[in-house]
Amino acid sequence: MFIHKIQLRSLYLCHNYTVNLPVMNKIKIILVSILFSILVTGCQTVQQKTDAIVKKENEKLSKFIGKSSSELQIQLGKPDEDFKNAEGNLELIYNTKKYLIPCERRFEINSENVVIGFVSNGCF
C-alpha cells in the first residue's frame, strides 16, 4: 500500500513533519459525523419542545369544550372578533402576541351557547 507523505517545513524550526493522508481523511469523516449528529439531535430537541408546547396548549383549551360561552369569556375576557360562520355557529376570536409572534385562538359556539371546538395558531 502506497502512503502519501507531506513534508512541512517551519520557517524558524527545521523539523520535518510527516502526515499520513488516510488518517487525515478518517479524522475529517469522524468530525463531520460528530457535527451531523449534533445537528440532528438539536432538531429532535426542538421538535420535542414544540410538541410539548402544542400539547399543553391543546390541554388548556380543551377544558372549554362543553362549557358555556359565558364561562369562556369569564376566563379569557372579551373576544377581539366574533361572527357567525357558514354553519351558523358563532366564532369567538382572541388575538395576542408573544415575542412579536401573533397568536390566534378561535372558539366555535353552537346555538345553545356551548363551546364545540377550537383552533389555535402560533400560540405557545
PDB file of N, CA and C in Angstrom:
ATOM      1  N   MET A   1       0.838  -1.160   0.000  1.00  0.00           N
ATOM      2  CA  MET A   1       0.000   0.000   0.000  1.00  0.00           C
ATOM      3  C   MET A   1       0.896   1.240   0.000  1.00  0.00           C
ATOM      4  N   PHE A   2       0.582   2.160  -0.881  1.00  0.00           N
ATOM      5  CA  PHE A   2       1.375   3.373  -1.029  1.00  0.00           C
ATOM      6  C   PHE A   2       0.748   4.466  -0.173  1.00  0.00           C
ATOM      7  N   ILE A   3       1.491   5.082   0.698  1.00  0.00           N
ATOM      8  CA  ILE A   3       1.020   6.142   1.587  1.00  0.00           C
ATOM      9  C   ILE A   3       1.683   7.444   1.170  1.00  0.00           C
ATOM     10  N   HIS A   4       0.790   8.462   0.934  1.00  0.00           N
ATOM     11  CA  HIS A   4       1.301   9.782   0.581  1.00  0.00           C
ATOM     12  C   HIS A   4       1.866  10.440   1.828  1.00  0.00           C
ATOM     13  N   LYS A   5       2.957  11.114   1.669  1.00  0.00           N
ATOM     14  CA  LYS A   5       3.550  11.827   2.780  1.00  0.00           C
ATOM     15  C   LYS A   5       3.762  13.277   2.374  1.00  0.00           C
ATOM     16  N   ILE A   6       3.470  14.170   3.318  1.00  0.00           N
ATOM     17  CA  ILE A   6       3.668  15.594   3.074  1.00  0.00           C
ATOM     18  C   ILE A   6       4.704  16.076   4.069  1.00  0.00           C
ATOM     19  N   GLN A   7       5.635  16.823   3.598  1.00  0.00           N
ATOM     20  CA  GLN A   7       6.635  17.370   4.495  1.00  0.00           C
ATOM     21  C   GLN A   7       6.383  18.861   4.641  1.00  0.00           C
ATOM     22  N   LEU A   8       6.256  19.289   5.877  1.00  0.00           N
ATOM     23  CA  LEU A   8       6.036  20.695   6.182  1.00  0.00           C
ATOM     24  C   LEU A   8       7.288  21.227   6.854  1.00  0.00           C
ATOM     25  N   ARG A   9       7.760  22.311   6.384  1.00  0.00           N
ATOM     26  CA  ARG A   9       8.945  22.914   6.988  1.00  0.00           C
ATOM     27  C   ARG A   9       8.560  24.233   7.632  1.00  0.00           C
ATOM     28  N   SER A  10       8.987  24.411   8.846  1.00  0.00           N
ATOM     29  CA  SER A  10       8.738  25.635   9.578  1.00  0.00           C
ATOM     30  C   SER A  10       9.801  26.650   9.177  1.00  0.00           C
ATOM     31  N   LEU A  11       9.432  27.944   9.236  1.00  0.00           N
ATOM     32  CA  LEU A  11      10.395  28.974   8.873  1.00  0.00           C
ATOM     33  C   LEU A  11      11.524  29.073   9.903  1.00  0.00           C
ATOM     34  N   TYR A  12      11.165  28.879  11.159  1.00  0.00           N
ATOM     35  CA  TYR A  12      12.149  29.056  12.214  1.00  0.00           C
ATOM     36  C   TYR A  12      12.753  27.747  12.701  1.00  0.00           C
ATOM     37  N   LEU A  13      12.004  26.682  12.570  1.00  0.00           N
ATOM     38  CA  LEU A  13      12.495  25.390  13.024  1.00  0.00           C
ATOM     39  C   LEU A  13      12.649  24.471  11.825  1.00  0.00           C
ATOM     40  N   CYS A  14      13.667  23.764  11.797  1.00  0.00           N
ATOM     41  CA  CYS A  14      13.895  22.868  10.669  1.00  0.00           C
ATOM     42  C   CYS A  14      13.493  21.443  11.059  1.00  0.00           C
ATOM     43  N   HIS A  15      12.210  21.255  11.319  1.00  0.00           N
ATOM     44  CA  HIS A  15      11.705  19.933  11.641  1.00  0.00           C
ATOM     45  C   HIS A  15      10.930  19.410  10.456  1.00  0.00           C
ATOM     46  N   ASN A  16      10.998  18.173  10.236  1.00  0.00           N
ATOM     47  CA  ASN A  16      10.197  17.523   9.206  1.00  0.00           C
ATOM     48  C   ASN A  16       8.989  16.871   9.880  1.00  0.00           C
ATOM     49  N   TYR A  17       7.788  17.168   9.379  1.00  0.00           N
ATOM     50  CA  TYR A  17       6.570  16.557   9.889  1.00  0.00           C
ATOM     51  C   TYR A  17       6.000  15.670   8.799  1.00  0.00           C
ATOM     52  N   THR A  18       5.683  14.471   9.160  1.00  0.00           N
ATOM     53  CA  THR A  18       5.105  13.543   8.202  1.00  0.00           C
ATOM     54  C   THR A  18       3.628  13.362   8.564  1.00  0.00           C
ATOM     55  N   VAL A  19       2.749  13.574   7.580  1.00  0.00           N
ATOM     56  CA  VAL A  19       1.312  13.441   7.798  1.00  0.00           C
ATOM     57  C   VAL A  19       0.802  12.317   6.921  1.00  0.00           C
ATOM     58  N   ASN A  20       0.089  11.406   7.524  1.00  0.00           N
ATOM     59  CA  ASN A  20      -0.475  10.278   6.806  1.00  0.00           C
ATOM     60  C   ASN A  20      -1.860  10.692   6.298  1.00  0.00           C
ATOM     61  N   LEU A  21      -2.045  10.817   4.970  1.00  0.00           N
ATOM     62  CA  LEU A  21      -3.296  11.306   4.391  1.00  0.00           C
ATOM     63  C   LEU A  21      -4.501  10.429   4.712  1.00  0.00           C
ATOM     64  N   PRO A  22      -4.434   9.105   4.670  1.00  0.00           N
ATOM     65  CA  PRO A  22      -5.617   8.317   5.024  1.00  0.00           C
ATOM     66  C   PRO A  22      -6.077   8.575   6.464  1.00  0.00           C
ATOM     67  N   VAL A  23      -5.159   8.840   7.370  1.00  0.00           N
ATOM     68  CA  VAL A  23      -5.525   9.150   8.750  1.00  0.00           C
ATOM     69  C   VAL A  23      -6.252  10.495   8.791  1.00  0.00           C
ATOM     70  N   MET A  24      -5.789  11.475   8.041  1.00  0.00           N
ATOM     71  CA  MET A  24      -6.434  12.785   7.996  1.00  0.00           C
ATOM     72  C   MET A  24      -7.861  12.658   7.456  1.00  0.00           C
ATOM     73  N   ASN A  25      -8.051  11.825   6.434  1.00  0.00           N
ATOM     74  CA  ASN A  25      -9.382  11.615   5.878  1.00  0.00           C
ATOM     75  C   ASN A  25     -10.308  10.986   6.923  1.00  0.00           C
ATOM     76  N   LYS A  26      -9.792  10.046   7.704  1.00  0.00           N
ATOM     77  CA  LYS A  26     -10.595   9.418   8.747  1.00  0.00           C
ATOM     78  C   LYS A  26     -10.989  10.445   9.803  1.00  0.00           C
ATOM     79  N   ILE A  27     -10.059  11.324  10.152  1.00  0.00           N
ATOM     80  CA  ILE A  27     -10.352  12.367  11.138  1.00  0.00           C
ATOM     81  C   ILE A  27     -11.440  13.295  10.610  1.00  0.00           C
ATOM     82  N   LYS A  28     -11.374  13.665   9.339  1.00  0.00           N
ATOM     83  CA  LYS A  28     -12.396  14.520   8.738  1.00  0.00           C
ATOM     84  C   LYS A  28     -13.756  13.835   8.777  1.00  0.00           C
ATOM     85  N   ILE A  29     -13.792  12.565   8.446  1.00  0.00           N
ATOM     86  CA  ILE A  29     -15.051  11.816   8.447  1.00  0.00           C
ATOM     87  C   ILE A  29     -15.626  11.764   9.869  1.00  0.00           C
ATOM     88  N   ILE A  30     -14.786  11.534  10.841  1.00  0.00           N
ATOM     89  CA  ILE A  30     -15.241  11.475  12.235  1.00  0.00           C
ATOM     90  C   ILE A  30     -15.787  12.829  12.678  1.00  0.00           C
ATOM     91  N   LEU A  31     -15.077  13.911  12.357  1.00  0.00           N
ATOM     92  CA  LEU A  31     -15.535  15.250  12.748  1.00  0.00           C
ATOM     93  C   LEU A  31     -16.857  15.608  12.080  1.00  0.00           C
ATOM     94  N   VAL A  32     -16.994  15.293  10.798  1.00  0.00           N
ATOM     95  CA  VAL A  32     -18.240  15.576  10.086  1.00  0.00           C
ATOM     96  C   VAL A  32     -19.379  14.745  10.682  1.00  0.00           C
ATOM     97  N   SER A  33     -19.102  13.506  11.034  1.00  0.00           N
ATOM     98  CA  SER A  33     -20.123  12.647  11.648  1.00  0.00           C
ATOM     99  C   SER A  33     -20.576  13.201  12.993  1.00  0.00           C
ATOM    100  N   ILE A  34     -19.639  13.674  13.801  1.00  0.00           N
ATOM    101  CA  ILE A  34     -19.985  14.250  15.105  1.00  0.00           C
ATOM    102  C   ILE A  34     -20.827  15.508  14.920  1.00  0.00           C
ATOM    103  N   LEU A  35     -20.442  16.368  13.992  1.00  0.00           N
ATOM    104  CA  LEU A  35     -21.187  17.592  13.726  1.00  0.00           C
ATOM    105  C   LEU A  35     -22.602  17.274  13.248  1.00  0.00           C
ATOM    106  N   PHE A  36     -22.728  16.322  12.353  1.00  0.00           N
ATOM    107  CA  PHE A  36     -24.038  15.914  11.843  1.00  0.00           C
ATOM    108  C   PHE A  36     -24.908  15.367  12.976  1.00  0.00           C
ATOM    109  N   SER A  37     -24.324  14.572  13.850  1.00  0.00           N
ATOM    110  CA  SER A  37     -25.070  14.008  14.986  1.00  0.00           C
ATOM    111  C   SER A  37     -25.582  15.112  15.896  1.00  0.00           C
ATOM    112  N   ILE A  38     -24.768  16.115  16.145  1.00  0.00           N
ATOM    113  CA  ILE A  38     -25.180  17.234  16.993  1.00  0.00           C
ATOM    114  C   ILE A  38     -26.348  17.983  16.355  1.00  0.00           C
ATOM    115  N   LEU A  39     -26.279  18.217  15.051  1.00  0.00           N
ATOM    116  CA  LEU A  39     -27.356  18.924  14.353  1.00  0.00           C
ATOM    117  C   LEU A  39     -28.658  18.135  14.399  1.00  0.00           C
ATOM    118  N   VAL A  40     -28.587  16.843  14.149  1.00  0.00           N
ATOM    119  CA  VAL A  40     -29.790  16.007  14.153  1.00  0.00           C
ATOM    120  C   VAL A  40     -30.397  15.974  15.551  1.00  0.00           C
ATOM    121  N   THR A  41     -29.575  15.825  16.558  1.00  0.00           N
ATOM    122  CA  THR A  41     -30.055  15.801  17.941  1.00  0.00           C
ATOM    123  C   THR A  41     -30.705  17.130  18.303  1.00  0.00           C
ATOM    124  N   GLY A  42     -30.113  18.227  17.869  1.00  0.00           N
ATOM    125  CA  GLY A  42     -30.685  19.551  18.133  1.00  0.00           C
ATOM    126  C   GLY A  42     -32.048  19.711  17.506  1.00  0.00           C
ATOM    127  N   CYS A  43     -32.219  19.253  16.287  1.00  0.00           N
ATOM    128  CA  CYS A  43     -33.517  19.342  15.611  1.00  0.00           C
ATOM    129  C   CYS A  43     -34.558  18.500  16.329  1.00  0.00           C
ATOM    130  N   GLN A  44     -34.182  17.326  16.807  1.00  0.00           N
ATOM    131  CA  GLN A  44     -35.115  16.474  17.539  1.00  0.00           C
ATOM    132  C   GLN A  44     -35.541  17.149  18.837  1.00  0.00           C
ATOM    133  N   THR A  45     -34.610  17.821  19.501  1.00  0.00           N
ATOM    134  CA  THR A  45     -34.915  18.516  20.752  1.00  0.00           C
ATOM    135  C   THR A  45     -35.911  19.635  20.507  1.00  0.00           C
ATOM    136  N   VAL A  46     -35.721  20.407  19.454  1.00  0.00           N
ATOM    137  CA  VAL A  46     -36.642  21.492  19.121  1.00  0.00           C
ATOM    138  C   VAL A  46     -38.018  20.921  18.814  1.00  0.00           C
ATOM    139  N   GLN A  47     -38.085  19.837  18.060  1.00  0.00           N
ATOM    140  CA  GLN A  47     -39.365  19.215  17.721  1.00  0.00           C
ATOM    141  C   GLN A  47     -40.072  18.713  18.979  1.00  0.00           C
ATOM    142  N   GLN A  48     -39.318  18.114  19.902  1.00  0.00           N
ATOM    143  CA  GLN A  48     -39.915  17.619  21.143  1.00  0.00           C
ATOM    144  C   GLN A  48     -40.468  18.758  21.983  1.00  0.00           C
ATOM    145  N   LYS A  49     -39.734  19.870  22.052  1.00  0.00           N
ATOM    146  CA  LYS A  49     -40.204  21.024  22.811  1.00  0.00           C
ATOM    147  C   LYS A  49     -41.453  21.619  22.171  1.00  0.00           C
ATOM    148  N   THR A  50     -41.463  21.713  20.852  1.00  0.00           N
ATOM    149  CA  THR A  50     -42.623  22.241  20.139  1.00  0.00           C
ATOM    150  C   THR A  50     -43.839  21.358  20.374  1.00  0.00           C
ATOM    151  N   ASP A  51     -43.656  20.041  20.281  1.00  0.00           N
ATOM    152  CA  ASP A  51     -44.763  19.111  20.522  1.00  0.00           C
ATOM    153  C   ASP A  51     -45.311  19.247  21.935  1.00  0.00           C
ATOM    154  N   ALA A  52     -44.425  19.435  22.914  1.00  0.00           N
ATOM    155  CA  ALA A  52     -44.857  19.595  24.303  1.00  0.00           C
ATOM    156  C   ALA A  52     -45.664  20.879  24.480  1.00  0.00           C
ATOM    157  N   ILE A  53     -45.237  21.961  23.820  1.00  0.00           N
ATOM    158  CA  ILE A  53     -45.951  23.236  23.918  1.00  0.00           C
ATOM    159  C   ILE A  53     -47.334  23.121  23.295  1.00  0.00           C
ATOM    160  N   VAL A  54     -47.418  22.480  22.124  1.00  0.00           N
ATOM    161  CA  VAL A  54     -48.707  22.311  21.444  1.00  0.00           C
ATOM    162  C   VAL A  54     -49.632  21.447  22.297  1.00  0.00           C
ATOM    163  N   LYS A  55     -49.092  20.395  22.886  1.00  0.00           N
ATOM    164  CA  LYS A  55     -49.904  19.514  23.731  1.00  0.00           C
ATOM    165  C   LYS A  55     -50.453  20.278  24.931  1.00  0.00           C
ATOM    166  N   LYS A  56     -49.617  21.092  25.557  1.00  0.00           N
ATOM    167  CA  LYS A  56     -50.033  21.884  26.712  1.00  0.00           C
ATOM    168  C   LYS A  56     -51.128  22.888  26.324  1.00  0.00           C
ATOM    169  N   GLU A  57     -50.955  23.532  25.177  1.00  0.00           N
ATOM    170  CA  GLU A  57     -51.954  24.497  24.677  1.00  0.00           C
ATOM    171  C   GLU A  57     -53.284  23.792  24.415  1.00  0.00           C
ATOM    172  N   ASN A  58     -53.236  22.627  23.777  1.00  0.00           N
ATOM    173  CA  ASN A  58     -54.467  21.886  23.482  1.00  0.00           C
ATOM    174  C   ASN A  58     -55.164  21.420  24.757  1.00  0.00           C
ATOM    175  N   GLU A  59     -54.387  20.986  25.763  1.00  0.00           N
ATOM    176  CA  GLU A  59     -54.983  20.582  27.037  1.00  0.00           C
ATOM    177  C   GLU A  59     -55.673  21.771  27.713  1.00  0.00           C
ATOM    178  N   LYS A  60     -55.024  22.918  27.654  1.00  0.00           N
ATOM    179  CA  LYS A  60     -55.580  24.133  28.270  1.00  0.00           C
ATOM    180  C   LYS A  60     -56.900  24.521  27.604  1.00  0.00           C
ATOM    181  N   LEU A  61     -56.925  24.509  26.267  1.00  0.00           N
ATOM    182  CA  LEU A  61     -58.119  24.945  25.547  1.00  0.00           C
ATOM    183  C   LEU A  61     -59.204  23.872  25.525  1.00  0.00           C
ATOM    184  N   SER A  62     -58.834  22.618  25.642  1.00  0.00           N
ATOM    185  CA  SER A  62     -59.814  21.527  25.656  1.00  0.00           C
ATOM    186  C   SER A  62     -60.735  21.615  26.865  1.00  0.00           C
ATOM    187  N   LYS A  63     -60.277  22.256  27.923  1.00  0.00           N
ATOM    188  CA  LYS A  63     -61.112  22.401  29.121  1.00  0.00           C
ATOM    189  C   LYS A  63     -62.387  23.182  28.826  1.00  0.00           C
ATOM    190  N   PHE A  64     -62.373  23.999  27.773  1.00  0.00           N
ATOM    191  CA  PHE A  64     -63.534  24.819  27.445  1.00  0.00           C
ATOM    192  C   PHE A  64     -64.583  24.077  26.616  1.00  0.00           C
ATOM    193  N   ILE A  65     -64.227  22.941  26.045  1.00  0.00           N
ATOM    194  CA  ILE A  65     -65.191  22.172  25.244  1.00  0.00           C
ATOM    195  C   ILE A  65     -66.322  21.720  26.171  1.00  0.00           C
ATOM    196  N   GLY A  66     -67.556  21.976  25.731  1.00  0.00           N
ATOM    197  CA  GLY A  66     -68.726  21.604  26.521  1.00  0.00           C
ATOM    198  C   GLY A  66     -69.131  22.654  27.552  1.00  0.00           C
ATOM    199  N   LYS A  67     -68.316  23.698  27.711  1.00  0.00           N
ATOM    200  CA  LYS A  67     -68.636  24.785  28.645  1.00  0.00           C
ATOM    201  C   LYS A  67     -69.429  25.859  27.902  1.00  0.00           C
ATOM    202  N   SER A  68     -70.068  26.724  28.652  1.00  0.00           N
ATOM    203  CA  SER A  68     -70.832  27.806  28.029  1.00  0.00           C
ATOM    204  C   SER A  68     -69.886  28.901  27.532  1.00  0.00           C
ATOM    205  N   SER A  69     -70.386  29.671  26.575  1.00  0.00           N
ATOM    206  CA  SER A  69     -69.566  30.765  26.040  1.00  0.00           C
ATOM    207  C   SER A  69     -69.312  31.818  27.113  1.00  0.00           C
ATOM    208  N   SER A  70     -70.222  31.973  28.067  1.00  0.00           N
ATOM    209  CA  SER A  70     -70.003  32.952  29.136  1.00  0.00           C
ATOM    210  C   SER A  70     -68.856  32.511  30.048  1.00  0.00           C
ATOM    211  N   GLU A  71     -68.717  31.199  30.307  1.00  0.00           N
ATOM    212  CA  GLU A  71     -67.587  30.701  31.089  1.00  0.00           C
ATOM    213  C   GLU A  71     -66.271  30.954  30.352  1.00  0.00           C
ATOM    214  N   LEU A  72     -66.292  30.752  29.044  1.00  0.00           N
ATOM    215  CA  LEU A  72     -65.108  31.018  28.217  1.00  0.00           C
ATOM    216  C   LEU A  72     -64.714  32.486  28.328  1.00  0.00           C
ATOM    217  N   GLN A  73     -65.698  33.372  28.226  1.00  0.00           N
ATOM    218  CA  GLN A  73     -65.415  34.806  28.269  1.00  0.00           C
ATOM    219  C   GLN A  73     -65.009  35.271  29.673  1.00  0.00           C
ATOM    220  N   ILE A  74     -65.471  34.591  30.701  1.00  0.00           N
ATOM    221  CA  ILE A  74     -65.027  34.914  32.058  1.00  0.00           C
ATOM    222  C   ILE A  74     -63.528  34.610  32.182  1.00  0.00           C
ATOM    223  N   GLN A  75     -63.103  33.493  31.609  1.00  0.00           N
ATOM    224  CA  GLN A  75     -61.702  33.068  31.695  1.00  0.00           C
ATOM    225  C   GLN A  75     -60.787  33.880  30.782  1.00  0.00           C
ATOM    226  N   LEU A  76     -61.213  34.084  29.527  1.00  0.00           N
ATOM    227  CA  LEU A  76     -60.333  34.705  28.527  1.00  0.00           C
ATOM    228  C   LEU A  76     -60.658  36.173  28.250  1.00  0.00           C
ATOM    229  N   GLY A  77     -61.759  36.645  28.753  1.00  0.00           N
ATOM    230  CA  GLY A  77     -62.133  38.033  28.507  1.00  0.00           C
ATOM    231  C   GLY A  77     -62.960  38.190  27.239  1.00  0.00           C
ATOM    232  N   LYS A  78     -63.177  39.439  26.891  1.00  0.00           N
ATOM    233  CA  LYS A  78     -63.963  39.762  25.692  1.00  0.00           C
ATOM    234  C   LYS A  78     -63.158  39.402  24.444  1.00  0.00           C
ATOM    235  N   PRO A  79     -63.781  38.729  23.483  1.00  0.00           N
ATOM    236  CA  PRO A  79     -63.041  38.366  22.263  1.00  0.00           C
ATOM    237  C   PRO A  79     -62.725  39.595  21.412  1.00  0.00           C
ATOM    238  N   ASP A  80     -61.666  39.467  20.609  1.00  0.00           N
ATOM    239  CA  ASP A  80     -61.290  40.554  19.697  1.00  0.00           C
ATOM    240  C   ASP A  80     -62.238  40.634  18.506  1.00  0.00           C
ATOM    241  N   GLU A  81     -62.744  39.475  18.101  1.00  0.00           N
ATOM    242  CA  GLU A  81     -63.690  39.401  16.982  1.00  0.00           C
ATOM    243  C   GLU A  81     -64.729  38.342  17.298  1.00  0.00           C
ATOM    244  N   ASP A  82     -65.914  38.505  16.715  1.00  0.00           N
ATOM    245  CA  ASP A  82     -66.916  37.442  16.755  1.00  0.00           C
ATOM    246  C   ASP A  82     -67.780  37.553  15.506  1.00  0.00           C
ATOM    247  N   PHE A  83     -68.171  36.404  14.968  1.00  0.00           N
ATOM    248  CA  PHE A  83     -69.006  36.374  13.775  1.00  0.00           C
ATOM    249  C   PHE A  83     -69.656  34.999  13.655  1.00  0.00           C
ATOM    250  N   LYS A  84     -70.674  34.926  12.811  1.00  0.00           N
ATOM    251  CA  LYS A  84     -71.332  33.654  12.510  1.00  0.00           C
ATOM    252  C   LYS A  84     -70.607  33.018  11.327  1.00  0.00           C
ATOM    253  N   ASN A  85     -70.269  31.739  11.462  1.00  0.00           N
ATOM    254  CA  ASN A  85     -69.600  31.045  10.362  1.00  0.00           C
ATOM    255  C   ASN A  85     -70.629  30.485   9.375  1.00  0.00           C
ATOM    256  N   ALA A  86     -70.168  29.764   8.366  1.00  0.00           N
ATOM    257  CA  ALA A  86     -71.037  29.235   7.314  1.00  0.00           C
ATOM    258  C   ALA A  86     -72.066  28.252   7.860  1.00  0.00           C
ATOM    259  N   GLU A  87     -71.766  27.602   8.978  1.00  0.00           N
ATOM    260  CA  GLU A  87     -72.695  26.634   9.571  1.00  0.00           C
ATOM    261  C   GLU A  87     -73.691  27.292  10.516  1.00  0.00           C
ATOM    262  N   GLY A  88     -73.584  28.611  10.698  1.00  0.00           N
ATOM    263  CA  GLY A  88     -74.482  29.333  11.576  1.00  0.00           C
ATOM    264  C   GLY A  88     -74.036  29.370  13.026  1.00  0.00           C
ATOM    265  N   ASN A  89     -72.861  28.835  13.300  1.00  0.00           N
ATOM    266  CA  ASN A  89     -72.319  28.865  14.661  1.00  0.00           C
ATOM    267  C   ASN A  89     -71.528  30.147  14.879  1.00  0.00           C
ATOM    268  N   LEU A  90     -71.493  30.589  16.126  1.00  0.00           N
ATOM    269  CA  LEU A  90     -70.747  31.778  16.494  1.00  0.00           C
ATOM    270  C   LEU A  90     -69.272  31.417  16.665  1.00  0.00           C
ATOM    271  N   GLU A  91     -68.378  32.251  16.147  1.00  0.00           N
ATOM    272  CA  GLU A  91     -66.940  32.064  16.358  1.00  0.00           C
ATOM    273  C   GLU A  91     -66.407  33.250  17.136  1.00  0.00           C
ATOM    274  N   LEU A  92     -65.708  32.944  18.224  1.00  0.00           N
ATOM    275  CA  LEU A  92     -65.053  33.968  19.030  1.00  0.00           C
ATOM    276  C   LEU A  92     -63.558  33.874  18.773  1.00  0.00           C
ATOM    277  N   ILE A  93     -62.938  35.007  18.460  1.00  0.00           N
ATOM    278  CA  ILE A  93     -61.519  35.028  18.120  1.00  0.00           C
ATOM    279  C   ILE A  93     -60.771  35.897  19.123  1.00  0.00           C
ATOM    280  N   TYR A  94     -59.704  35.303  19.682  1.00  0.00           N
ATOM    281  CA  TYR A  94     -58.834  36.001  20.616  1.00  0.00           C
ATOM    282  C   TYR A  94     -57.453  36.121  19.977  1.00  0.00           C
ATOM    283  N   ASN A  95     -56.971  37.358  19.839  1.00  0.00           N
ATOM    284  CA  ASN A  95     -55.654  37.606  19.250  1.00  0.00           C
ATOM    285  C   ASN A  95     -54.713  38.166  20.314  1.00  0.00           C
ATOM    286  N   THR A  96     -53.520  37.589  20.388  1.00  0.00           N
ATOM    287  CA  THR A  96     -52.482  38.086  21.283  1.00  0.00           C
ATOM    288  C   THR A  96     -51.150  38.018  20.556  1.00  0.00           C
ATOM    289  N   LYS A  97     -50.115  38.558  21.184  1.00  0.00           N
ATOM    290  CA  LYS A  97     -48.759  38.458  20.649  1.00  0.00           C
ATOM    291  C   LYS A  97     -47.823  38.099  21.791  1.00  0.00           C
ATOM    292  N   LYS A  98     -46.872  37.221  21.489  1.00  0.00           N
ATOM    293  CA  LYS A  98     -45.826  36.891  22.444  1.00  0.00           C
ATOM    294  C   LYS A  98     -44.518  36.905  21.674  1.00  0.00           C
ATOM    295  N   TYR A  99     -43.567  37.706  22.138  1.00  0.00           N
ATOM    296  CA  TYR A  99     -42.285  37.882  21.448  1.00  0.00           C
ATOM    297  C   TYR A  99     -42.496  38.288  19.992  1.00  0.00           C
ATOM    298  N   LEU A 100     -43.473  39.153  19.759  1.00  0.00           N
ATOM    299  CA  LEU A 100     -43.841  39.683  18.432  1.00  0.00           C
ATOM    300  C   LEU A 100     -44.415  38.617  17.505  1.00  0.00           C
ATOM    301  N   ILE A 101     -44.743  37.450  18.031  1.00  0.00           N
ATOM    302  CA  ILE A 101     -45.351  36.384  17.221  1.00  0.00           C
ATOM    303  C   ILE A 101     -46.848  36.398  17.482  1.00  0.00           C
ATOM    304  N   PRO A 102     -47.669  36.584  16.425  1.00  0.00           N
ATOM    305  CA  PRO A 102     -49.115  36.639  16.636  1.00  0.00           C
ATOM    306  C   PRO A 102     -49.683  35.261  17.011  1.00  0.00           C
ATOM    307  N   CYS A 103     -50.636  35.296  17.932  1.00  0.00           N
ATOM    308  CA  CYS A 103     -51.316  34.094  18.390  1.00  0.00           C
ATOM    309  C   CYS A 103     -52.809  34.300  18.183  1.00  0.00           C
ATOM    310  N   GLU A 104     -53.464  33.335  17.554  1.00  0.00           N
ATOM    311  CA  GLU A 104     -54.904  33.423  17.340  1.00  0.00           C
ATOM    312  C   GLU A 104     -55.559  32.160  17.880  1.00  0.00           C
ATOM    313  N   ARG A 105     -56.560  32.370  18.743  1.00  0.00           N
ATOM    314  CA  ARG A 105     -57.358  31.260  19.274  1.00  0.00           C
ATOM    315  C   ARG A 105     -58.795  31.486  18.837  1.00  0.00           C
ATOM    316  N   ARG A 106     -59.360  30.482  18.136  1.00  0.00           N
ATOM    317  CA  ARG A 106     -60.741  30.563  17.663  1.00  0.00           C
ATOM    318  C   ARG A 106     -61.562  29.503  18.383  1.00  0.00           C
ATOM    319  N   PHE A 107     -62.702  29.921  18.869  1.00  0.00           N
ATOM    320  CA  PHE A 107     -63.626  29.006  19.527  1.00  0.00           C
ATOM    321  C   PHE A 107     -64.940  29.013  18.769  1.00  0.00           C
ATOM    322  N   GLU A 108     -65.491  27.835  18.537  1.00  0.00           N
ATOM    323  CA  GLU A 108     -66.778  27.717  17.857  1.00  0.00           C
ATOM    324  C   GLU A 108     -67.853  27.431  18.900  1.00  0.00           C
ATOM    325  N   ILE A 109     -68.924  28.234  18.846  1.00  0.00           N
ATOM    326  CA  ILE A 109     -70.017  28.159  19.812  1.00  0.00           C
ATOM    327  C   ILE A 109     -71.288  27.768  19.063  1.00  0.00           C
ATOM    328  N   ASN A 110     -71.992  26.719  19.535  1.00  0.00           N
ATOM    329  CA  ASN A 110     -73.219  26.286  18.847  1.00  0.00           C
ATOM    330  C   ASN A 110     -74.415  27.150  19.262  1.00  0.00           C
ATOM    331  N   SER A 111     -75.597  26.805  18.763  1.00  0.00           N
ATOM    332  CA  SER A 111     -76.801  27.610  19.012  1.00  0.00           C
ATOM    333  C   SER A 111     -77.240  27.587  20.482  1.00  0.00           C
ATOM    334  N   GLU A 112     -76.786  26.581  21.245  1.00  0.00           N
ATOM    335  CA  GLU A 112     -77.096  26.517  22.682  1.00  0.00           C
ATOM    336  C   GLU A 112     -76.055  27.265  23.523  1.00  0.00           C
ATOM    337  N   ASN A 113     -75.169  28.028  22.884  1.00  0.00           N
ATOM    338  CA  ASN A 113     -74.091  28.780  23.542  1.00  0.00           C
ATOM    339  C   ASN A 113     -73.092  27.880  24.258  1.00  0.00           C
ATOM    340  N   VAL A 114     -72.787  26.736  23.658  1.00  0.00           N
ATOM    341  CA  VAL A 114     -71.822  25.787  24.210  1.00  0.00           C
ATOM    342  C   VAL A 114     -70.623  25.722  23.272  1.00  0.00           C
ATOM    343  N   VAL A 115     -69.421  25.721  23.838  1.00  0.00           N
ATOM    344  CA  VAL A 115     -68.193  25.625  23.047  1.00  0.00           C
ATOM    345  C   VAL A 115     -68.104  24.207  22.473  1.00  0.00           C
ATOM    346  N   ILE A 116     -67.981  24.118  21.134  1.00  0.00           N
ATOM    347  CA  ILE A 116     -67.930  22.799  20.495  1.00  0.00           C
ATOM    348  C   ILE A 116     -66.593  22.535  19.805  1.00  0.00           C
ATOM    349  N   GLY A 117     -65.727  23.542  19.721  1.00  0.00           N
ATOM    350  CA  GLY A 117     -64.435  23.343  19.074  1.00  0.00           C
ATOM    351  C   GLY A 117     -63.538  24.555  19.213  1.00  0.00           C
ATOM    352  N   PHE A 118     -62.276  24.347  18.910  1.00  0.00           N
ATOM    353  CA  PHE A 118     -61.316  25.445  18.944  1.00  0.00           C
ATOM    354  C   PHE A 118     -60.181  25.171  17.961  1.00  0.00           C
ATOM    355  N   VAL A 119     -59.502  26.247  17.582  1.00  0.00           N
ATOM    356  CA  VAL A 119     -58.298  26.178  16.744  1.00  0.00           C
ATOM    357  C   VAL A 119     -57.311  27.179  17.330  1.00  0.00           C
ATOM    358  N   SER A 120     -56.065  26.765  17.455  1.00  0.00           N
ATOM    359  CA  SER A 120     -55.033  27.637  17.992  1.00  0.00           C
ATOM    360  C   SER A 120     -53.892  27.720  16.982  1.00  0.00           C
ATOM    361  N   ASN A 121     -53.509  28.941  16.614  1.00  0.00           N
ATOM    362  CA  ASN A 121     -52.434  29.147  15.642  1.00  0.00           C
ATOM    363  C   ASN A 121     -51.370  30.070  16.213  1.00  0.00           C
ATOM    364  N   GLY A 122     -50.125  29.605  16.217  1.00  0.00           N
ATOM    365  CA  GLY A 122     -48.998  30.434  16.628  1.00  0.00           C
ATOM    366  C   GLY A 122     -48.897  30.696  18.115  1.00  0.00           C
ATOM    367  N   CYS A 123     -49.620  29.929  18.917  1.00  0.00           N
ATOM    368  CA  CYS A 123     -49.646  30.163  20.360  1.00  0.00           C
ATOM    369  C   CYS A 123     -48.701  29.205  21.064  1.00  0.00           C
ATOM    370  N   PHE A 124     -47.948  29.742  22.027  1.00  0.00           N
ATOM    371  CA  PHE A 124     -47.076  28.906  22.837  1.00  0.00           C
ATOM    372  C   PHE A 124     -46.933  29.487  24.219  1.00  0.00           C
TER     373      PHE A 124
END
